[in-house]
């Protein structure tokens, strides 16, 4: 009786575009983190200054919003790139 050799396990691709594929949970994690941070930050600004979302946007908060999105997106991708 002959036995077949064990099959090698496929390597997980850490290509940047493969990490952002819809079959991976990376996008859902990034989207969830960003949604939670934006919601909490928006509510904090509204409670502390009394400004609604549209007033915050018109007062020049977009660079902070974009910077936070970039930093949190990269921070969410780093653990997947290291493994």
Protein backbone atom coordinates (compact mmCIF):
# COMPACT_ATOMS: atom_id res chain seq x y z
CA UNK A 1 0.00 0.00 0.00
CA UNK A 2 1.42 3.36 -0.99
CA UNK A 3 0.60 6.63 0.63
CA UNK A 4 0.65 9.91 -1.14
CA UNK A 5 2.92 12.65 0.17
CA UNK A 6 1.23 15.40 2.16
CA UNK A 7 0.02 18.32 0.11
CA UNK A 8 1.81 21.61 0.80
CA UNK A 9 -0.34 24.34 2.23
CA UNK A 10 -0.82 27.26 -0.15
CA UNK A 11 1.00 30.43 0.78
CA UNK A 12 -1.11 33.43 1.61
CA UNK A 13 -0.37 36.32 -0.71
CA UNK A 14 0.60 39.60 0.94
CA UNK A 15 0.47 41.57 -2.29
CA UNK A 16 -1.05 44.98 -1.58
CA UNK A 17 -3.85 44.51 -4.11
CA UNK A 18 -4.58 41.01 -2.82
CA UNK A 19 -5.02 42.44 0.69
CA UNK A 20 -7.72 44.77 -0.63
CA UNK A 21 -9.61 42.00 -2.44
CA UNK A 22 -13.26 41.50 -1.55
CA UNK A 23 -12.53 37.97 -0.35
CA UNK A 24 -10.36 39.31 2.49
CA UNK A 25 -11.73 40.94 5.67
CA UNK A 26 -9.27 43.85 5.40
CA UNK A 27 -11.66 46.28 3.74
CA UNK A 28 -14.43 45.57 6.20
CA UNK A 29 -12.07 46.16 9.12
CA UNK A 30 -10.81 49.45 7.70
CA UNK A 31 -14.33 50.63 6.93
CA UNK A 32 -15.58 49.71 10.40
CA UNK A 33 -12.71 51.45 12.19
CA UNK A 34 -13.05 54.59 10.13
CA UNK A 35 -16.82 54.69 10.64
CA UNK A 36 -16.44 54.39 14.42
CA UNK A 37 -13.71 57.06 14.63
CA UNK A 38 -15.58 59.53 12.39
CA UNK A 39 -18.83 59.04 14.29
CA UNK A 40 -17.24 59.55 17.71
CA UNK A 41 -15.17 62.54 16.56
CA UNK A 42 -18.19 64.17 14.93
CA UNK A 43 -20.33 63.71 18.03
CA UNK A 44 -17.54 65.02 20.27
CA UNK A 45 -17.18 68.17 18.16
CA UNK A 46 -20.93 68.70 18.08
CA UNK A 47 -21.27 68.33 21.84
CA UNK A 48 -18.25 70.49 22.70
CA UNK A 49 -18.69 73.31 20.16
CA UNK A 50 -22.32 72.99 19.17
CA UNK A 51 -21.36 72.72 15.49
CA UNK A 52 -23.22 70.29 13.30
CA UNK A 53 -21.48 68.16 10.68
CA UNK A 54 -21.93 70.68 7.87
CA UNK A 55 -20.48 73.50 9.97
CA UNK A 56 -17.49 71.32 10.83
CA UNK A 57 -16.87 70.57 7.15
CA UNK A 58 -17.17 74.23 6.15
CA UNK A 59 -14.72 75.27 8.90
CA UNK A 60 -11.88 73.36 7.27
CA UNK A 61 -11.96 70.00 9.03
CA UNK A 62 -11.43 68.06 5.78
CA UNK A 63 -7.59 67.86 6.06
CA UNK A 64 -7.94 66.31 9.53
CA UNK A 65 -10.54 63.89 8.20
CA UNK A 66 -8.36 62.82 5.27
CA UNK A 67 -5.24 62.54 7.44
CA UNK A 68 -7.05 60.36 9.96
CA UNK A 69 -8.39 58.14 7.17
CA UNK A 70 -4.92 57.64 5.71
CA UNK A 71 -3.27 56.90 9.06
CA UNK A 72 -5.96 54.45 10.19
CA UNK A 73 -6.05 52.70 6.80
CA UNK A 74 -2.29 52.17 6.87
CA UNK A 75 -2.44 51.06 10.50
CA UNK A 76 -5.06 48.47 9.55
CA UNK A 77 -2.97 47.16 6.66
CA UNK A 78 0.37 46.86 8.50
CA UNK A 79 -0.48 43.66 10.46
CA UNK A 80 -1.51 41.97 7.20
CA UNK A 81 1.64 43.08 5.41
CA UNK A 82 3.96 41.83 8.20
CA UNK A 83 2.54 38.29 8.44
